Amino acid sequence: MAAAQSVDLRNRDLRSRFPGVINLLRFFRAANQLYMIDRFANAPDSRTALEVLREMESIVLRLTPKTIEECDTGEQKQKQIKVKACLSGEIRKDEVELYKRLGAKVIECKDKIIFAVWCPKLPTDKELSELKEALDNYDLKPAELAALAMARGVKG
């Protein structure tokens, strides 16, 4: 029981110290780009881990946020709801559950199914320097943050 509480406290501490990093990793989870999270989790040192995060940031910064019209088919007539997303695309019916589990918003309208992923909050310079220090001092492994980002049902 005490061990579980200790892990929960550590997880809460990591989420509060590195919210931008976890949010960025969750963006790639929701976008089904799990290889990027694997690259971060398996980084052998702080330099490599930070380079992977910089590459992730670069990818996100090149995306153009757009507003997607969502159909609400629950009522007699369809009404449009707007969703702001950094990444979206059409998916097949058999991919709906996967994208929902990964954290993407799935929009079903008429005969189209679209996934949408929000624009992530990026890590601050202070957060990245704190991360570098924690990794260099062996107080933290990139895999711990990756595991938090992959955890389902936990908001960052």
N, C-alpha and C. Protein backbone atom coordinates (compact mmCIF):
# COMPACT_ATOMS: atom_id res chain seq x y z
N MET A 1 0.82 -1.20 0.00
CA MET A 1 0.00 0.00 0.00
C MET A 1 0.87 1.27 0.00
N ALA A 2 1.89 1.27 0.83
CA ALA A 2 2.77 2.43 0.91
C ALA A 2 3.54 2.62 -0.39
N ALA A 3 3.92 1.51 -1.02
CA ALA A 3 4.65 1.60 -2.29
C ALA A 3 3.78 2.22 -3.38
N ALA A 4 2.51 1.84 -3.42
CA ALA A 4 1.58 2.39 -4.41
C ALA A 4 1.39 3.89 -4.20
N GLN A 5 1.29 4.31 -2.94
CA GLN A 5 1.15 5.73 -2.64
C GLN A 5 2.41 6.50 -3.04
N SER A 6 3.57 5.87 -2.83
CA SER A 6 4.84 6.50 -3.20
C SER A 6 4.93 6.70 -4.71
N VAL A 7 4.50 5.70 -5.48
CA VAL A 7 4.51 5.80 -6.94
C VAL A 7 3.54 6.88 -7.40
N ASP A 8 2.36 6.93 -6.78
CA ASP A 8 1.36 7.94 -7.14
C ASP A 8 1.89 9.35 -6.86
N LEU A 9 2.55 9.53 -5.73
CA LEU A 9 3.13 10.84 -5.40
C LEU A 9 4.22 11.21 -6.39
N ARG A 10 5.06 10.25 -6.76
CA ARG A 10 6.12 10.51 -7.75
C ARG A 10 5.51 10.91 -9.09
N ASN A 11 4.47 10.17 -9.51
CA ASN A 11 3.82 10.49 -10.79
C ASN A 11 3.23 11.89 -10.76
N ARG A 12 2.58 12.25 -9.66
CA ARG A 12 2.02 13.60 -9.54
C ARG A 12 3.11 14.66 -9.59
N ASP A 13 4.23 14.36 -8.91
CA ASP A 13 5.37 15.29 -8.91
C ASP A 13 5.90 15.47 -10.33
N LEU A 14 6.07 14.38 -11.07
CA LEU A 14 6.58 14.47 -12.44
C LEU A 14 5.62 15.22 -13.34
N ARG A 15 4.30 14.98 -13.18
CA ARG A 15 3.31 15.70 -14.00
C ARG A 15 3.34 17.20 -13.71
N SER A 16 3.61 17.57 -12.46
CA SER A 16 3.65 19.01 -12.15
C SER A 16 4.98 19.65 -12.56
N ARG A 17 6.06 18.89 -12.54
CA ARG A 17 7.37 19.44 -12.93
C ARG A 17 7.58 19.50 -14.43
N PHE A 18 6.96 18.56 -15.18
CA PHE A 18 7.20 18.47 -16.63
C PHE A 18 5.90 18.41 -17.43
N PRO A 19 4.98 19.36 -17.21
CA PRO A 19 3.69 19.29 -17.91
C PRO A 19 3.81 19.45 -19.42
N GLY A 20 4.72 20.30 -19.87
CA GLY A 20 4.89 20.52 -21.31
C GLY A 20 5.45 19.29 -22.01
N VAL A 21 6.41 18.63 -21.36
CA VAL A 21 7.00 17.42 -21.94
C VAL A 21 5.94 16.34 -22.06
N ILE A 22 5.18 16.13 -20.98
CA ILE A 22 4.15 15.08 -21.00
C ILE A 22 3.06 15.43 -22.02
N ASN A 23 2.70 16.70 -22.09
CA ASN A 23 1.68 17.12 -23.06
C ASN A 23 2.14 16.89 -24.50
N LEU A 24 3.40 17.19 -24.76
CA LEU A 24 3.97 16.98 -26.09
C LEU A 24 3.99 15.49 -26.44
N LEU A 25 4.39 14.66 -25.49
CA LEU A 25 4.38 13.21 -25.71
C LEU A 25 2.96 12.70 -25.93
N ARG A 26 2.00 13.24 -25.19
CA ARG A 26 0.60 12.81 -25.37
C ARG A 26 0.04 13.21 -26.73
N PHE A 27 0.51 14.33 -27.26
CA PHE A 27 0.10 14.73 -28.60
C PHE A 27 0.50 13.64 -29.60
N PHE A 28 1.72 13.16 -29.49
CA PHE A 28 2.18 12.11 -30.41
C PHE A 28 1.47 10.79 -30.16
N ARG A 29 1.08 10.53 -28.90
CA ARG A 29 0.27 9.34 -28.62
C ARG A 29 -1.07 9.45 -29.34
N ALA A 30 -1.74 10.58 -29.18
CA ALA A 30 -3.06 10.77 -29.79
C ALA A 30 -2.99 10.74 -31.31
N ALA A 31 -1.85 11.16 -31.85
CA ALA A 31 -1.67 11.18 -33.31
C ALA A 31 -1.24 9.81 -33.84
N ASN A 32 -1.12 8.83 -32.96
CA ASN A 32 -0.71 7.46 -33.31
C ASN A 32 0.70 7.45 -33.90
N GLN A 33 1.55 8.32 -33.39
CA GLN A 33 2.96 8.38 -33.79
C GLN A 33 3.80 7.88 -32.60
N LEU A 34 3.56 6.63 -32.24
CA LEU A 34 4.16 6.07 -31.03
C LEU A 34 5.67 5.89 -31.14
N TYR A 35 6.17 5.83 -32.35
CA TYR A 35 7.62 5.68 -32.53
C TYR A 35 8.38 6.86 -31.93
N MET A 36 7.79 8.05 -31.95
CA MET A 36 8.45 9.22 -31.37
C MET A 36 8.56 9.07 -29.85
N ILE A 37 7.53 8.54 -29.23
CA ILE A 37 7.55 8.31 -27.79
C ILE A 37 8.59 7.23 -27.46
N ASP A 38 8.67 6.19 -28.30
CA ASP A 38 9.68 5.14 -28.11
C ASP A 38 11.09 5.72 -28.20
N ARG A 39 11.30 6.60 -29.16
CA ARG A 39 12.63 7.21 -29.31
C ARG A 39 13.01 7.98 -28.06
N PHE A 40 12.05 8.72 -27.50
CA PHE A 40 12.32 9.48 -26.27
C PHE A 40 12.55 8.52 -25.10
N ALA A 41 11.68 7.54 -24.95
CA ALA A 41 11.78 6.61 -23.82
C ALA A 41 13.10 5.85 -23.81
N ASN A 42 13.63 5.55 -24.99
CA ASN A 42 14.85 4.75 -25.09
C ASN A 42 16.11 5.58 -25.26
N ALA A 43 16.00 6.89 -25.06
CA ALA A 43 17.18 7.76 -25.19
C ALA A 43 18.22 7.36 -24.14
N PRO A 44 19.46 7.13 -24.57
CA PRO A 44 20.49 6.67 -23.63
C PRO A 44 21.04 7.75 -22.71
N ASP A 45 20.84 9.03 -23.08
CA ASP A 45 21.37 10.11 -22.26
C ASP A 45 20.50 11.36 -22.43
N SER A 46 20.82 12.38 -21.63
CA SER A 46 20.00 13.60 -21.65
C SER A 46 20.08 14.31 -22.99
N ARG A 47 21.26 14.32 -23.60
CA ARG A 47 21.42 15.00 -24.89
C ARG A 47 20.49 14.41 -25.94
N THR A 48 20.46 13.09 -26.01
CA THR A 48 19.60 12.41 -26.99
C THR A 48 18.13 12.66 -26.67
N ALA A 49 17.75 12.57 -25.41
CA ALA A 49 16.35 12.79 -25.00
C ALA A 49 15.90 14.20 -25.39
N LEU A 50 16.75 15.19 -25.14
CA LEU A 50 16.39 16.57 -25.47
C LEU A 50 16.35 16.80 -26.97
N GLU A 51 17.20 16.14 -27.72
CA GLU A 51 17.16 16.24 -29.19
C GLU A 51 15.85 15.68 -29.74
N VAL A 52 15.40 14.58 -29.17
CA VAL A 52 14.12 13.99 -29.61
C VAL A 52 12.98 14.98 -29.30
N LEU A 53 13.01 15.58 -28.11
CA LEU A 53 11.97 16.57 -27.77
C LEU A 53 12.02 17.78 -28.71
N ARG A 54 13.21 18.22 -29.05
CA ARG A 54 13.33 19.36 -29.99
C ARG A 54 12.77 18.99 -31.36
N GLU A 55 13.02 17.76 -31.79
CA GLU A 55 12.46 17.30 -33.06
C GLU A 55 10.94 17.26 -32.99
N MET A 56 10.40 16.79 -31.87
CA MET A 56 8.94 16.77 -31.69
C MET A 56 8.37 18.19 -31.75
N GLU A 57 9.03 19.11 -31.04
CA GLU A 57 8.58 20.51 -31.06
C GLU A 57 8.60 21.07 -32.47
N SER A 58 9.64 20.77 -33.21
CA SER A 58 9.77 21.24 -34.58
C SER A 58 8.62 20.74 -35.45
N ILE A 59 8.27 19.49 -35.28
CA ILE A 59 7.15 18.92 -36.04
C ILE A 59 5.86 19.65 -35.71
N VAL A 60 5.62 19.87 -34.41
CA VAL A 60 4.38 20.54 -33.97
C VAL A 60 4.34 21.98 -34.49
N LEU A 61 5.47 22.67 -34.42
CA LEU A 61 5.49 24.08 -34.85
C LEU A 61 5.26 24.23 -36.35
N ARG A 62 5.53 23.19 -37.13
CA ARG A 62 5.29 23.26 -38.57
C ARG A 62 3.83 22.96 -38.93
N LEU A 63 3.06 22.47 -37.97
CA LEU A 63 1.64 22.19 -38.23
C LEU A 63 0.84 23.48 -38.19
N THR A 64 -0.17 23.55 -39.01
CA THR A 64 -1.05 24.72 -39.02
C THR A 64 -2.37 24.35 -38.34
N PRO A 65 -2.62 24.96 -37.17
CA PRO A 65 -3.90 24.65 -36.50
C PRO A 65 -5.07 25.05 -37.38
N LYS A 66 -6.10 24.21 -37.37
CA LYS A 66 -7.29 24.54 -38.14
C LYS A 66 -8.53 24.17 -37.36
N THR A 67 -9.62 24.76 -37.74
CA THR A 67 -10.89 24.49 -37.10
C THR A 67 -11.64 23.48 -37.96
N ILE A 68 -12.13 22.44 -37.30
CA ILE A 68 -12.86 21.38 -37.99
C ILE A 68 -14.32 21.46 -37.59
N GLU A 69 -15.18 21.36 -38.56
CA GLU A 69 -16.62 21.37 -38.31
C GLU A 69 -17.05 19.96 -37.91
N GLU A 70 -17.72 19.86 -36.78
CA GLU A 70 -18.18 18.58 -36.30
C GLU A 70 -19.70 18.51 -36.42
N CYS A 71 -20.20 17.42 -36.94
CA CYS A 71 -21.65 17.22 -37.04
C CYS A 71 -22.16 16.59 -35.77
N ASP A 72 -23.21 17.10 -35.23
CA ASP A 72 -23.89 16.46 -34.11
C ASP A 72 -25.14 15.84 -34.68
N THR A 73 -25.12 14.54 -34.88
CA THR A 73 -26.25 13.85 -35.52
C THR A 73 -27.25 13.33 -34.50
N GLY A 74 -27.08 13.73 -33.23
CA GLY A 74 -27.99 13.25 -32.19
C GLY A 74 -29.35 13.94 -32.21
N GLU A 75 -29.46 15.05 -32.88
CA GLU A 75 -30.71 15.79 -32.94
C GLU A 75 -31.34 15.61 -34.31
N GLN A 76 -32.55 16.10 -34.45
CA GLN A 76 -33.27 16.00 -35.72
C GLN A 76 -32.45 16.60 -36.87
N LYS A 77 -32.01 17.82 -36.68
CA LYS A 77 -31.19 18.44 -37.72
C LYS A 77 -29.76 18.49 -37.24
N GLN A 78 -28.85 18.50 -38.18
CA GLN A 78 -27.44 18.52 -37.82
C GLN A 78 -27.02 19.94 -37.47
N LYS A 79 -26.26 20.07 -36.38
CA LYS A 79 -25.69 21.37 -36.04
C LYS A 79 -24.19 21.25 -36.09
N GLN A 80 -23.55 22.32 -36.41
CA GLN A 80 -22.10 22.33 -36.55
C GLN A 80 -21.45 22.76 -35.24
N ILE A 81 -20.46 21.99 -34.81
CA ILE A 81 -19.66 22.32 -33.64
C ILE A 81 -18.23 22.45 -34.15
N LYS A 82 -17.51 23.48 -33.71
CA LYS A 82 -16.15 23.68 -34.19
C LYS A 82 -15.14 23.10 -33.19
N VAL A 83 -14.16 22.40 -33.72
CA VAL A 83 -13.09 21.80 -32.92
C VAL A 83 -11.76 22.31 -33.47
N LYS A 84 -10.90 22.88 -32.61
CA LYS A 84 -9.59 23.37 -33.06
C LYS A 84 -8.59 22.22 -32.93
N ALA A 85 -7.86 21.95 -34.00
CA ALA A 85 -6.91 20.84 -34.00
C ALA A 85 -5.63 21.22 -34.74
N CYS A 86 -4.52 20.64 -34.28
CA CYS A 86 -3.24 20.82 -34.97
C CYS A 86 -3.05 19.74 -36.02
N LEU A 87 -3.71 18.62 -35.81
CA LEU A 87 -3.55 17.50 -36.71
C LEU A 87 -4.90 16.81 -36.88
N SER A 88 -5.23 16.49 -38.10
CA SER A 88 -6.48 15.77 -38.35
C SER A 88 -6.35 15.00 -39.65
N GLY A 89 -7.23 14.06 -39.81
CA GLY A 89 -7.23 13.27 -41.03
C GLY A 89 -8.38 12.31 -41.04
N GLU A 90 -8.67 11.82 -42.21
CA GLU A 90 -9.75 10.86 -42.36
C GLU A 90 -9.25 9.47 -41.97
N ILE A 91 -10.09 8.74 -41.24
CA ILE A 91 -9.74 7.38 -40.84
C ILE A 91 -10.85 6.42 -41.23
N ARG A 92 -10.52 5.14 -41.21
CA ARG A 92 -11.50 4.10 -41.53
C ARG A 92 -12.31 3.75 -40.28
N LYS A 93 -13.45 3.15 -40.48
CA LYS A 93 -14.33 2.75 -39.38
C LYS A 93 -13.61 1.84 -38.38
N ASP A 94 -12.76 0.94 -38.90
CA ASP A 94 -12.07 0.00 -38.01
C ASP A 94 -10.94 0.67 -37.20
N GLU A 95 -10.62 1.94 -37.46
CA GLU A 95 -9.59 2.65 -36.71
C GLU A 95 -10.16 3.55 -35.61
N VAL A 96 -11.48 3.69 -35.57
CA VAL A 96 -12.13 4.61 -34.63
C VAL A 96 -11.74 4.31 -33.18
N GLU A 97 -11.87 3.06 -32.75
CA GLU A 97 -11.58 2.71 -31.36
C GLU A 97 -10.12 2.96 -31.01
N LEU A 98 -9.22 2.66 -31.94
CA LEU A 98 -7.80 2.88 -31.71
C LEU A 98 -7.53 4.36 -31.42
N TYR A 99 -8.03 5.24 -32.29
CA TYR A 99 -7.77 6.67 -32.10
C TYR A 99 -8.44 7.20 -30.84
N LYS A 100 -9.61 6.68 -30.50
CA LYS A 100 -10.26 7.10 -29.25
C LYS A 100 -9.41 6.69 -28.05
N ARG A 101 -8.90 5.44 -28.06
CA ARG A 101 -8.06 4.96 -26.96
C ARG A 101 -6.77 5.77 -26.84
N LEU A 102 -6.25 6.21 -27.97
CA LEU A 102 -5.02 6.99 -27.95
C LEU A 102 -5.23 8.43 -27.51
N GLY A 103 -6.48 8.88 -27.45
CA GLY A 103 -6.78 10.22 -26.95
C GLY A 103 -7.18 11.24 -28.00
N ALA A 104 -7.33 10.82 -29.23
CA ALA A 104 -7.75 11.76 -30.28
C ALA A 104 -9.27 11.93 -30.22
N LYS A 105 -9.73 13.06 -30.70
CA LYS A 105 -11.18 13.29 -30.85
C LYS A 105 -11.58 12.67 -32.18
N VAL A 106 -12.62 11.87 -32.16
CA VAL A 106 -13.11 11.24 -33.39
C VAL A 106 -14.44 11.88 -33.75
N ILE A 107 -14.51 12.35 -34.98
CA ILE A 107 -15.69 13.06 -35.47
C ILE A 107 -16.32 12.24 -36.58
N GLU A 108 -17.53 11.80 -36.35
CA GLU A 108 -18.25 11.02 -37.36
C GLU A 108 -19.36 11.90 -37.93
N CYS A 109 -19.30 12.13 -39.20
CA CYS A 109 -20.27 13.01 -39.85
C CYS A 109 -20.58 12.47 -41.24
N LYS A 110 -21.82 12.22 -41.47
CA LYS A 110 -22.27 11.67 -42.77
C LYS A 110 -21.48 10.41 -43.06
N ASP A 111 -20.76 10.36 -44.15
CA ASP A 111 -20.01 9.15 -44.48
C ASP A 111 -18.51 9.33 -44.29
N LYS A 112 -18.10 10.34 -43.51
CA LYS A 112 -16.69 10.59 -43.23
C LYS A 112 -16.42 10.41 -41.75
N ILE A 113 -15.26 9.86 -41.43
CA ILE A 113 -14.81 9.77 -40.05
C ILE A 113 -13.44 10.45 -39.99
N ILE A 114 -13.31 11.42 -39.09
CA ILE A 114 -12.10 12.22 -38.99
C ILE A 114 -11.57 12.14 -37.56
N PHE A 115 -10.24 12.03 -37.42
CA PHE A 115 -9.64 12.15 -36.10
C PHE A 115 -9.05 13.56 -36.00
N ALA A 116 -9.08 14.11 -34.80
CA ALA A 116 -8.52 15.44 -34.57
C ALA A 116 -7.70 15.39 -33.28
N VAL A 117 -6.52 16.01 -33.34
CA VAL A 117 -5.63 16.05 -32.18
C VAL A 117 -5.36 17.52 -31.86
N TRP A 118 -5.58 17.89 -30.61
CA TRP A 118 -5.39 19.26 -30.14
C TRP A 118 -3.94 19.70 -30.32
N CYS A 119 -3.71 20.99 -30.24
CA CYS A 119 -2.36 21.54 -30.28
C CYS A 119 -1.77 21.44 -28.87
N PRO A 120 -0.61 20.82 -28.72
CA PRO A 120 -0.07 20.62 -27.38
C PRO A 120 0.58 21.87 -26.81
N LYS A 121 0.62 21.92 -25.50
CA LYS A 121 1.40 22.94 -24.80
C LYS A 121 2.84 22.46 -24.88
N LEU A 122 3.73 23.32 -25.32
CA LEU A 122 5.13 22.93 -25.46
C LEU A 122 5.91 23.16 -24.17
N PRO A 123 6.96 22.38 -23.95
CA PRO A 123 7.76 22.58 -22.73
C PRO A 123 8.48 23.92 -22.75
N THR A 124 8.62 24.52 -21.59
CA THR A 124 9.35 25.78 -21.46
C THR A 124 10.85 25.50 -21.40
N ASP A 125 11.65 26.53 -21.60
CA ASP A 125 13.11 26.38 -21.49
C ASP A 125 13.49 25.95 -20.07
N LYS A 126 12.81 26.50 -19.09
CA LYS A 126 13.08 26.14 -17.68
C LYS A 126 12.78 24.66 -17.46
N GLU A 127 11.68 24.21 -18.00
CA GLU A 127 11.29 22.81 -17.87
C GLU A 127 12.33 21.89 -18.52
N LEU A 128 12.83 22.28 -19.69
CA LEU A 128 13.82 21.47 -20.39
C LEU A 128 15.16 21.45 -19.65
N SER A 129 15.56 22.58 -19.07
CA SER A 129 16.82 22.58 -18.31
C SER A 129 16.68 21.75 -17.03
N GLU A 130 15.51 21.81 -16.41
CA GLU A 130 15.24 20.98 -15.22
C GLU A 130 15.25 19.49 -15.60
N LEU A 131 14.70 19.19 -16.76
CA LEU A 131 14.69 17.80 -17.24
C LEU A 131 16.12 17.33 -17.50
N LYS A 132 16.92 18.16 -18.14
CA LYS A 132 18.32 17.80 -18.41
C LYS A 132 19.06 17.49 -17.12
N GLU A 133 18.86 18.35 -16.14
CA GLU A 133 19.52 18.15 -14.84
C GLU A 133 19.07 16.85 -14.18
N ALA A 134 17.78 16.58 -14.20
CA ALA A 134 17.24 15.35 -13.59
C ALA A 134 17.78 14.10 -14.30
N LEU A 135 17.87 14.18 -15.63
CA LEU A 135 18.39 13.04 -16.39
C LEU A 135 19.90 12.86 -16.14
N ASP A 136 20.64 13.96 -16.10
CA ASP A 136 22.09 13.88 -15.87
C ASP A 136 22.42 13.35 -14.47
N ASN A 137 21.56 13.67 -13.50
CA ASN A 137 21.78 13.22 -12.12
C ASN A 137 21.18 11.84 -11.85
N TYR A 138 20.64 11.22 -12.89
CA TYR A 138 20.01 9.90 -12.78
C TYR A 138 18.84 9.88 -11.79
N ASP A 139 18.18 11.04 -11.63
CA ASP A 139 16.99 11.12 -10.79
C ASP A 139 15.74 10.69 -11.56
N LEU A 140 15.88 10.61 -12.87
CA LEU A 140 14.74 10.36 -13.75
C LEU A 140 15.22 9.67 -15.02
N LYS A 141 14.38 8.82 -15.54
CA LYS A 141 14.65 8.19 -16.84
C LYS A 141 13.59 8.67 -17.82
N PRO A 142 13.94 8.89 -19.08
CA PRO A 142 12.94 9.31 -20.05
C PRO A 142 11.75 8.36 -20.11
N ALA A 143 11.99 7.08 -19.88
CA ALA A 143 10.92 6.09 -19.93
C ALA A 143 9.82 6.36 -18.90
N GLU A 144 10.17 6.99 -17.78
CA GLU A 144 9.15 7.31 -16.76
C GLU A 144 8.16 8.34 -17.30
N LEU A 145 8.67 9.37 -17.97
CA LEU A 145 7.78 10.38 -18.55
C LEU A 145 6.98 9.79 -19.71
N ALA A 146 7.61 8.93 -20.50
CA ALA A 146 6.91 8.29 -21.60
C ALA A 146 5.77 7.42 -21.07
N ALA A 147 6.01 6.72 -19.98
CA ALA A 147 4.96 5.88 -19.38
C ALA A 147 3.79 6.73 -18.90
N LEU A 148 4.09 7.88 -18.31
CA LEU A 148 3.01 8.78 -17.87
C LEU A 148 2.21 9.29 -19.07
N ALA A 149 2.90 9.58 -20.15
CA ALA A 149 2.22 10.09 -21.35
C ALA A 149 1.35 9.00 -21.98
N MET A 150 1.77 7.77 -21.86
CA MET A 150 1.01 6.66 -22.45
C MET A 150 -0.14 6.18 -21.57
N ALA A 151 -0.15 6.59 -20.30
CA ALA A 151 -1.20 6.16 -19.37
C ALA A 151 -2.55 6.67 -19.85
N ARG A 152 -3.51 5.79 -19.90
CA ARG A 152 -4.85 6.17 -20.34
C ARG A 152 -5.66 6.71 -19.18
N GLY A 153 -6.56 7.61 -19.48
CA GLY A 153 -7.48 8.13 -18.48
C GLY A 153 -6.87 9.14 -17.52
N VAL A 154 -5.64 9.56 -17.76
CA VAL A 154 -4.99 10.55 -16.91
C VAL A 154 -4.79 11.81 -17.72
N LYS A 155 -5.33 12.91 -17.24
CA LYS A 155 -5.18 14.18 -17.94
C LYS A 155 -3.88 14.83 -17.50
N GLY A 156 -3.19 15.43 -18.50
CA GLY A 156 -1.88 16.04 -18.24
C GLY A 156 -1.99 17.38 -17.66
